[in-house]
Amino acid sequence: MKEKTHDFASERRVVTVVQQVFEQRSISRSVGADDVLMEVGLTSLDTVKLVLLVESEFDLMVPLSEITPGNFRTISTISRLVNRLQKNT
């Protein structure tokens, strides 16, 4: 049960990071955990910004091998990546 709480807390922090990128791009649409971010309007450059913001927010380094479209597709996939990387540190 503690795992779910941790996932929820991480996901909320990821939402905050994604919202920062949305604000920079003047995207005012709400997004769900499983909405595809590229379909909402983010670009590949925005994905790079997301990587940097995630690293800063969670004080971790995303290995180059993990910077893939699949890992940054949705808020849920970013949250799973963060949780996996935090467990490996």
C-alpha atoms as a PDB file:
ATOM      1  CA  MET A   1       0.000   0.000   0.000  1.00  0.00           C
ATOM      2  CA  LYS A   2       2.894   2.369   0.713  1.00  0.00           C
ATOM      3  CA  GLU A   3       3.996   1.896  -2.912  1.00  0.00           C
ATOM      4  CA  LYS A   4       0.726   3.394  -4.180  1.00  0.00           C
ATOM      5  CA  THR A   5       1.166   6.477  -1.975  1.00  0.00           C
ATOM      6  CA  HIS A   6       4.678   6.940  -3.331  1.00  0.00           C
ATOM      7  CA  ASP A   7       3.423   6.561  -6.913  1.00  0.00           C
ATOM      8  CA  PHE A   8       0.668   9.097  -6.300  1.00  0.00           C
ATOM      9  CA  ALA A   9       3.080  11.624  -4.773  1.00  0.00           C
ATOM     10  CA  SER A  10       5.515  11.209  -7.668  1.00  0.00           C
ATOM     11  CA  GLU A  11       2.735  11.530 -10.199  1.00  0.00           C
ATOM     12  CA  ARG A  12       1.558  14.798  -8.625  1.00  0.00           C
ATOM     13  CA  ARG A  13       5.092  16.170  -8.899  1.00  0.00           C
ATOM     14  CA  VAL A  14       5.268  15.053 -12.537  1.00  0.00           C
ATOM     15  CA  VAL A  15       1.955  16.846 -13.186  1.00  0.00           C
ATOM     16  CA  THR A  16       3.516  20.034 -11.811  1.00  0.00           C
ATOM     17  CA  VAL A  17       6.522  19.653 -14.128  1.00  0.00           C
ATOM     18  CA  VAL A  18       4.304  19.013 -17.163  1.00  0.00           C
ATOM     19  CA  GLN A  19       2.170  22.028 -16.270  1.00  0.00           C
ATOM     20  CA  GLN A  20       5.312  24.197 -16.252  1.00  0.00           C
ATOM     21  CA  VAL A  21       6.042  23.185 -19.842  1.00  0.00           C
ATOM     22  CA  PHE A  22       2.389  23.760 -20.782  1.00  0.00           C
ATOM     23  CA  GLU A  23       2.545  27.264 -19.334  1.00  0.00           C
ATOM     24  CA  GLN A  24       5.742  28.021 -21.273  1.00  0.00           C
ATOM     25  CA  ARG A  25       3.961  26.936 -24.458  1.00  0.00           C
ATOM     26  CA  SER A  26       0.694  28.733 -23.575  1.00  0.00           C
ATOM     27  CA  ILE A  27      -1.224  25.446 -23.612  1.00  0.00           C
ATOM     28  CA  SER A  28      -4.235  25.886 -21.344  1.00  0.00           C
ATOM     29  CA  ARG A  29      -5.750  22.440 -21.794  1.00  0.00           C
ATOM     30  CA  SER A  30      -6.030  20.076 -18.861  1.00  0.00           C
ATOM     31  CA  VAL A  31      -4.335  16.728 -19.290  1.00  0.00           C
ATOM     32  CA  GLY A  32      -4.995  13.348 -17.748  1.00  0.00           C
ATOM     33  CA  ALA A  33      -2.405  10.878 -16.530  1.00  0.00           C
ATOM     34  CA  ASP A  34      -2.697   8.774 -19.692  1.00  0.00           C
ATOM     35  CA  ASP A  35      -3.120  11.521 -22.305  1.00  0.00           C
ATOM     36  CA  VAL A  36      -0.381  11.449 -24.938  1.00  0.00           C
ATOM     37  CA  LEU A  37       1.565  14.661 -24.387  1.00  0.00           C
ATOM     38  CA  MET A  38       2.562  15.049 -28.053  1.00  0.00           C
ATOM     39  CA  GLU A  39      -1.130  14.910 -29.008  1.00  0.00           C
ATOM     40  CA  VAL A  40      -1.850  17.682 -26.496  1.00  0.00           C
ATOM     41  CA  GLY A  41       0.672  19.896 -28.272  1.00  0.00           C
ATOM     42  CA  LEU A  42       4.134  19.259 -26.881  1.00  0.00           C
ATOM     43  CA  THR A  43       7.063  19.046 -29.296  1.00  0.00           C
ATOM     44  CA  SER A  44      10.302  17.076 -29.204  1.00  0.00           C
ATOM     45  CA  LEU A  45      12.004  20.201 -27.822  1.00  0.00           C
ATOM     46  CA  ASP A  46       9.410  20.254 -25.044  1.00  0.00           C
ATOM     47  CA  THR A  47      10.347  16.652 -24.267  1.00  0.00           C
ATOM     48  CA  VAL A  48      13.942  17.761 -23.755  1.00  0.00           C
ATOM     49  CA  LYS A  49      12.666  20.452 -21.364  1.00  0.00           C
ATOM     50  CA  LEU A  50      10.639  17.785 -19.559  1.00  0.00           C
ATOM     51  CA  VAL A  51      13.738  15.623 -19.123  1.00  0.00           C
ATOM     52  CA  LEU A  52      15.646  18.533 -17.581  1.00  0.00           C
ATOM     53  CA  LEU A  53      12.755  19.557 -15.340  1.00  0.00           C
ATOM     54  CA  VAL A  54      12.201  15.971 -14.153  1.00  0.00           C
ATOM     55  CA  GLU A  55      15.902  15.662 -13.326  1.00  0.00           C
ATOM     56  CA  SER A  56      15.774  18.914 -11.374  1.00  0.00           C
ATOM     57  CA  GLU A  57      12.475  18.211  -9.593  1.00  0.00           C
ATOM     58  CA  PHE A  58      13.465  14.707  -8.475  1.00  0.00           C
ATOM     59  CA  ASP A  59      17.218  15.339  -8.092  1.00  0.00           C
ATOM     60  CA  LEU A  60      18.150  12.465 -10.357  1.00  0.00           C
ATOM     61  CA  MET A  61      19.839  11.874 -13.673  1.00  0.00           C
ATOM     62  CA  VAL A  62      17.881  10.259 -16.488  1.00  0.00           C
ATOM     63  CA  PRO A  63      20.307   7.973 -18.350  1.00  0.00           C
ATOM     64  CA  LEU A  64      20.521   8.606 -22.077  1.00  0.00           C
ATOM     65  CA  SER A  65      19.166   5.101 -22.717  1.00  0.00           C
ATOM     66  CA  GLU A  66      15.987   6.051 -20.807  1.00  0.00           C
ATOM     67  CA  ILE A  67      15.308   9.253 -22.779  1.00  0.00           C
ATOM     68  CA  THR A  68      12.850   7.661 -25.165  1.00  0.00           C
ATOM     69  CA  PRO A  69       9.476   8.741 -26.559  1.00  0.00           C
ATOM     70  CA  GLY A  70       7.879   5.857 -24.656  1.00  0.00           C
ATOM     71  CA  ASN A  71       9.187   7.023 -21.283  1.00  0.00           C
ATOM     72  CA  PHE A  72       7.976  10.600 -21.857  1.00  0.00           C
ATOM     73  CA  ARG A  73       4.707   9.760 -23.617  1.00  0.00           C
ATOM     74  CA  THR A  74       2.296  10.447 -20.743  1.00  0.00           C
ATOM     75  CA  ILE A  75       2.340  11.614 -17.145  1.00  0.00           C
ATOM     76  CA  SER A  76       1.953   7.966 -16.111  1.00  0.00           C
ATOM     77  CA  THR A  77       4.972   6.794 -18.115  1.00  0.00           C
ATOM     78  CA  ILE A  78       7.110   9.627 -16.739  1.00  0.00           C
ATOM     79  CA  SER A  79       6.010   8.721 -13.196  1.00  0.00           C
ATOM     80  CA  ARG A  80       6.909   5.067 -13.726  1.00  0.00           C
ATOM     81  CA  LEU A  81      10.332   6.096 -15.055  1.00  0.00           C
ATOM     82  CA  VAL A  82      10.946   8.343 -12.038  1.00  0.00           C
ATOM     83  CA  ASN A  83       9.909   5.595  -9.611  1.00  0.00           C
ATOM     84  CA  ARG A  84      12.166   3.078 -11.358  1.00  0.00           C
ATOM     85  CA  LEU A  85      15.137   5.459 -11.333  1.00  0.00           C
ATOM     86  CA  GLN A  86      14.603   6.341  -7.669  1.00  0.00           C
ATOM     87  CA  LYS A  87      14.600   2.659  -6.729  1.00  0.00           C
ATOM     88  CA  ASN A  88      17.915   2.164  -8.555  1.00  0.00           C
ATOM     89  CA  THR A  89      19.709   4.908  -6.603  1.00  0.00           C
END
